[in-house]
Amino acid sequence: MGAAEERLDPRWVRAWCERGGATVVRATDESHRATDALVDLTPIPSDLTTLYWVLAEARLPDGRSVHSAVTVAALFHEYGEMEIPGEQPALIFAATADGHACALSGSGRVWQARSPYATGQFDLVANSLQEFLETRR
């Protein structure tokens, strides 16, 4: 699945949650309101909106965590959008077990910070959010 060709499908996200492997907190009315507030706050990548309509947050088997919409908003207030050369601005939406920020860009690609700080240099780790979730099982 190429990031530019296809976007995250909520049916795929639901099936991914059912397969197990990750600890998932399902979306609630409260998390939907937090997602709406995040959409109002910043130009959130559409795949992240799709993800948050199915789940509120998740912990992947390798220790990475997908933050809640409330946490993403707080990180946006603190750091703003991540500037990645040659890429559309990105939002921090997840972190590794050792604190390296993961950011989703408007193109749908996922980037990981080289250091445990939210700002700095980022490396491409997945061409899509779906690929990020699939390879982290």
C-alpha atoms as a PDB file:
ATOM      1  CA  MET A   1       0.000   0.000   0.000  1.00  0.00           C
ATOM      2  CA  GLY A   2       1.561   3.279  -1.071  1.00  0.00           C
ATOM      3  CA  ALA A   3       0.913   6.284   1.140  1.00  0.00           C
ATOM      4  CA  ALA A   4      -0.042   8.499  -1.783  1.00  0.00           C
ATOM      5  CA  GLU A   5      -2.375   5.932  -3.354  1.00  0.00           C
ATOM      6  CA  GLU A   6      -4.520   4.685  -0.491  1.00  0.00           C
ATOM      7  CA  ARG A   7      -5.580   5.910   2.890  1.00  0.00           C
ATOM      8  CA  LEU A   8      -6.202   3.957   6.071  1.00  0.00           C
ATOM      9  CA  ASP A   9      -9.484   2.045   6.019  1.00  0.00           C
ATOM     10  CA  PRO A  10     -11.446   1.906   9.299  1.00  0.00           C
ATOM     11  CA  ARG A  11     -12.449  -1.705   8.517  1.00  0.00           C
ATOM     12  CA  TRP A  12      -8.766  -2.623   8.364  1.00  0.00           C
ATOM     13  CA  VAL A  13      -8.140  -0.880  11.713  1.00  0.00           C
ATOM     14  CA  ARG A  14     -11.012  -2.794  13.350  1.00  0.00           C
ATOM     15  CA  ALA A  15      -9.669  -6.104  11.960  1.00  0.00           C
ATOM     16  CA  TRP A  16      -6.158  -5.188  13.132  1.00  0.00           C
ATOM     17  CA  CYS A  17      -7.500  -4.576  16.650  1.00  0.00           C
ATOM     18  CA  GLU A  18      -9.280  -7.955  16.615  1.00  0.00           C
ATOM     19  CA  ARG A  19      -6.160  -9.871  15.535  1.00  0.00           C
ATOM     20  CA  GLY A  20      -4.553  -9.158  18.876  1.00  0.00           C
ATOM     21  CA  GLY A  21      -0.906  -8.608  19.588  1.00  0.00           C
ATOM     22  CA  ALA A  22      -1.383  -4.984  20.544  1.00  0.00           C
ATOM     23  CA  THR A  23      -3.048  -3.687  23.688  1.00  0.00           C
ATOM     24  CA  VAL A  24      -5.811  -1.483  22.329  1.00  0.00           C
ATOM     25  CA  VAL A  25      -8.147   0.941  24.044  1.00  0.00           C
ATOM     26  CA  ARG A  26     -11.210   1.256  21.813  1.00  0.00           C
ATOM     27  CA  ALA A  27     -12.563   4.654  20.863  1.00  0.00           C
ATOM     28  CA  THR A  28     -15.299   6.118  23.047  1.00  0.00           C
ATOM     29  CA  ASP A  29     -17.543   9.164  22.818  1.00  0.00           C
ATOM     30  CA  GLU A  30     -14.954  10.991  24.925  1.00  0.00           C
ATOM     31  CA  SER A  31     -12.069  10.021  22.632  1.00  0.00           C
ATOM     32  CA  HIS A  32     -14.175  11.037  19.598  1.00  0.00           C
ATOM     33  CA  ARG A  33     -14.634  14.486  21.166  1.00  0.00           C
ATOM     34  CA  ALA A  34     -10.875  14.676  21.745  1.00  0.00           C
ATOM     35  CA  THR A  35     -10.290  13.756  18.096  1.00  0.00           C
ATOM     36  CA  ASP A  36     -12.736  16.456  16.971  1.00  0.00           C
ATOM     37  CA  ALA A  37     -10.879  18.968  19.155  1.00  0.00           C
ATOM     38  CA  LEU A  38      -7.557  17.875  17.630  1.00  0.00           C
ATOM     39  CA  VAL A  39      -8.985  18.321  14.122  1.00  0.00           C
ATOM     40  CA  ASP A  40     -10.086  21.844  15.093  1.00  0.00           C
ATOM     41  CA  LEU A  41      -6.623  22.583  16.534  1.00  0.00           C
ATOM     42  CA  THR A  42      -4.385  21.499  13.673  1.00  0.00           C
ATOM     43  CA  PRO A  43      -4.433  20.002  10.186  1.00  0.00           C
ATOM     44  CA  ILE A  44      -4.316  16.407  11.436  1.00  0.00           C
ATOM     45  CA  PRO A  45      -3.374  13.786   8.814  1.00  0.00           C
ATOM     46  CA  SER A  46      -6.530  11.996   7.649  1.00  0.00           C
ATOM     47  CA  ASP A  47      -5.165   8.542   8.526  1.00  0.00           C
ATOM     48  CA  LEU A  48      -4.772   9.602  12.134  1.00  0.00           C
ATOM     49  CA  THR A  49      -8.390  10.758  12.241  1.00  0.00           C
ATOM     50  CA  THR A  50      -9.462   7.382  10.833  1.00  0.00           C
ATOM     51  CA  LEU A  51      -7.361   5.554  13.422  1.00  0.00           C
ATOM     52  CA  TYR A  52      -8.823   7.573  16.307  1.00  0.00           C
ATOM     53  CA  TRP A  53     -12.392   6.858  15.229  1.00  0.00           C
ATOM     54  CA  VAL A  54     -11.657   3.168  15.913  1.00  0.00           C
ATOM     55  CA  LEU A  55      -9.207   3.244  18.810  1.00  0.00           C
ATOM     56  CA  ALA A  56      -8.296   5.747  21.489  1.00  0.00           C
ATOM     57  CA  GLU A  57      -4.715   4.558  22.012  1.00  0.00           C
ATOM     58  CA  ALA A  58      -2.612   1.412  21.736  1.00  0.00           C
ATOM     59  CA  ARG A  59       0.566  -0.250  22.937  1.00  0.00           C
ATOM     60  CA  LEU A  60       2.338  -2.349  20.328  1.00  0.00           C
ATOM     61  CA  PRO A  61       4.177  -5.583  21.197  1.00  0.00           C
ATOM     62  CA  ASP A  62       7.582  -3.942  20.713  1.00  0.00           C
ATOM     63  CA  GLY A  63       6.776  -1.321  23.369  1.00  0.00           C
ATOM     64  CA  ARG A  64       5.808   1.497  21.011  1.00  0.00           C
ATOM     65  CA  SER A  65       2.712   3.371  22.008  1.00  0.00           C
ATOM     66  CA  VAL A  66       0.148   5.186  19.892  1.00  0.00           C
ATOM     67  CA  HIS A  67      -0.818   8.243  21.910  1.00  0.00           C
ATOM     68  CA  SER A  68      -4.374   9.360  22.564  1.00  0.00           C
ATOM     69  CA  ALA A  69      -5.757  12.392  20.714  1.00  0.00           C
ATOM     70  CA  VAL A  70      -5.498  14.352  23.989  1.00  0.00           C
ATOM     71  CA  THR A  71      -1.771  13.565  24.211  1.00  0.00           C
ATOM     72  CA  VAL A  72      -1.240  14.442  20.530  1.00  0.00           C
ATOM     73  CA  ALA A  73      -2.915  17.825  21.153  1.00  0.00           C
ATOM     74  CA  ALA A  74      -0.692  18.436  24.201  1.00  0.00           C
ATOM     75  CA  LEU A  75       2.417  17.549  22.177  1.00  0.00           C
ATOM     76  CA  PHE A  76       1.249  19.888  19.407  1.00  0.00           C
ATOM     77  CA  HIS A  77       0.872  22.712  21.929  1.00  0.00           C
ATOM     78  CA  GLU A  78       4.368  22.003  23.246  1.00  0.00           C
ATOM     79  CA  TYR A  79       6.268  21.322  20.001  1.00  0.00           C
ATOM     80  CA  GLY A  80       4.017  22.320  17.096  1.00  0.00           C
ATOM     81  CA  GLU A  81       4.239  20.474  13.809  1.00  0.00           C
ATOM     82  CA  MET A  82       7.445  18.603  13.094  1.00  0.00           C
ATOM     83  CA  GLU A  83       9.382  20.011  10.169  1.00  0.00           C
ATOM     84  CA  ILE A  84      10.898  17.196   8.151  1.00  0.00           C
ATOM     85  CA  PRO A  85      12.924  18.325   5.104  1.00  0.00           C
ATOM     86  CA  GLY A  86      11.139  17.485   1.845  1.00  0.00           C
ATOM     87  CA  GLU A  87       8.034  16.321   3.679  1.00  0.00           C
ATOM     88  CA  GLN A  88       4.731  17.835   4.651  1.00  0.00           C
ATOM     89  CA  PRO A  89       4.598  18.936   8.294  1.00  0.00           C
ATOM     90  CA  ALA A  90       4.009  16.049  10.670  1.00  0.00           C
ATOM     91  CA  LEU A  91       2.362  15.492  14.060  1.00  0.00           C
ATOM     92  CA  ILE A  92       3.829  13.410  16.849  1.00  0.00           C
ATOM     93  CA  PHE A  93       1.357  10.577  17.431  1.00  0.00           C
ATOM     94  CA  ALA A  94       3.415   7.785  18.977  1.00  0.00           C
ATOM     95  CA  ALA A  95       6.686   6.989  20.740  1.00  0.00           C
ATOM     96  CA  THR A  96       9.110   4.134  21.091  1.00  0.00           C
ATOM     97  CA  ALA A  97       9.653   2.451  24.435  1.00  0.00           C
ATOM     98  CA  ASP A  98      12.818   4.537  24.878  1.00  0.00           C
ATOM     99  CA  GLY A  99      11.125   7.857  24.102  1.00  0.00           C
ATOM    100  CA  HIS A 100      11.825   8.437  20.417  1.00  0.00           C
ATOM    101  CA  ALA A 101       8.897  10.382  18.938  1.00  0.00           C
ATOM    102  CA  CYS A 102       7.066   8.994  15.916  1.00  0.00           C
ATOM    103  CA  ALA A 103       5.364  11.494  13.627  1.00  0.00           C
ATOM    104  CA  LEU A 104       2.761  11.067  10.887  1.00  0.00           C
ATOM    105  CA  SER A 105       3.043  13.483   7.986  1.00  0.00           C
ATOM    106  CA  GLY A 106       0.291  14.761   5.743  1.00  0.00           C
ATOM    107  CA  SER A 107       1.584  12.420   3.026  1.00  0.00           C
ATOM    108  CA  GLY A 108       0.734   9.472   5.291  1.00  0.00           C
ATOM    109  CA  ARG A 109       4.343   8.474   5.936  1.00  0.00           C
ATOM    110  CA  VAL A 110       5.642   7.744   9.449  1.00  0.00           C
ATOM    111  CA  TRP A 111       8.900   9.167  10.732  1.00  0.00           C
ATOM    112  CA  GLN A 112      10.892   8.437  13.904  1.00  0.00           C
ATOM    113  CA  ALA A 113      13.146  10.871  15.729  1.00  0.00           C
ATOM    114  CA  ARG A 114      16.797   9.881  15.905  1.00  0.00           C
ATOM    115  CA  SER A 115      17.016  11.003  19.531  1.00  0.00           C
ATOM    116  CA  PRO A 116      14.633  10.714  22.472  1.00  0.00           C
ATOM    117  CA  TYR A 117      13.575  14.309  21.990  1.00  0.00           C
ATOM    118  CA  ALA A 118      10.561  15.358  19.955  1.00  0.00           C
ATOM    119  CA  THR A 119      12.512  17.749  17.770  1.00  0.00           C
ATOM    120  CA  GLY A 120      15.537  17.130  15.621  1.00  0.00           C
ATOM    121  CA  GLN A 121      16.232  14.759  12.787  1.00  0.00           C
ATOM    122  CA  PHE A 122      13.740  12.107  11.711  1.00  0.00           C
ATOM    123  CA  ASP A 123      14.127   8.897   9.715  1.00  0.00           C
ATOM    124  CA  LEU A 124      11.411   7.301   7.592  1.00  0.00           C
ATOM    125  CA  VAL A 125      10.163   4.122   9.287  1.00  0.00           C
ATOM    126  CA  ALA A 126       6.997   3.326   7.296  1.00  0.00           C
ATOM    127  CA  ASN A 127       5.376   4.472   4.072  1.00  0.00           C
ATOM    128  CA  SER A 128       1.939   4.467   5.708  1.00  0.00           C
ATOM    129  CA  LEU A 129       0.259   4.231   9.092  1.00  0.00           C
ATOM    130  CA  GLN A 130      -0.983   0.758   8.165  1.00  0.00           C
ATOM    131  CA  GLU A 131       2.576  -0.358   7.416  1.00  0.00           C
ATOM    132  CA  PHE A 132       3.719   1.140  10.735  1.00  0.00           C
ATOM    133  CA  LEU A 133       1.084  -0.842  12.643  1.00  0.00           C
ATOM    134  CA  GLU A 134       1.667  -4.052  10.688  1.00  0.00           C
ATOM    135  CA  THR A 135       5.436  -4.051  11.095  1.00  0.00           C
ATOM    136  CA  ARG A 136       5.232  -3.357  14.800  1.00  0.00           C
ATOM    137  CA  ARG A 137       3.257  -6.513  15.686  1.00  0.00           C
END
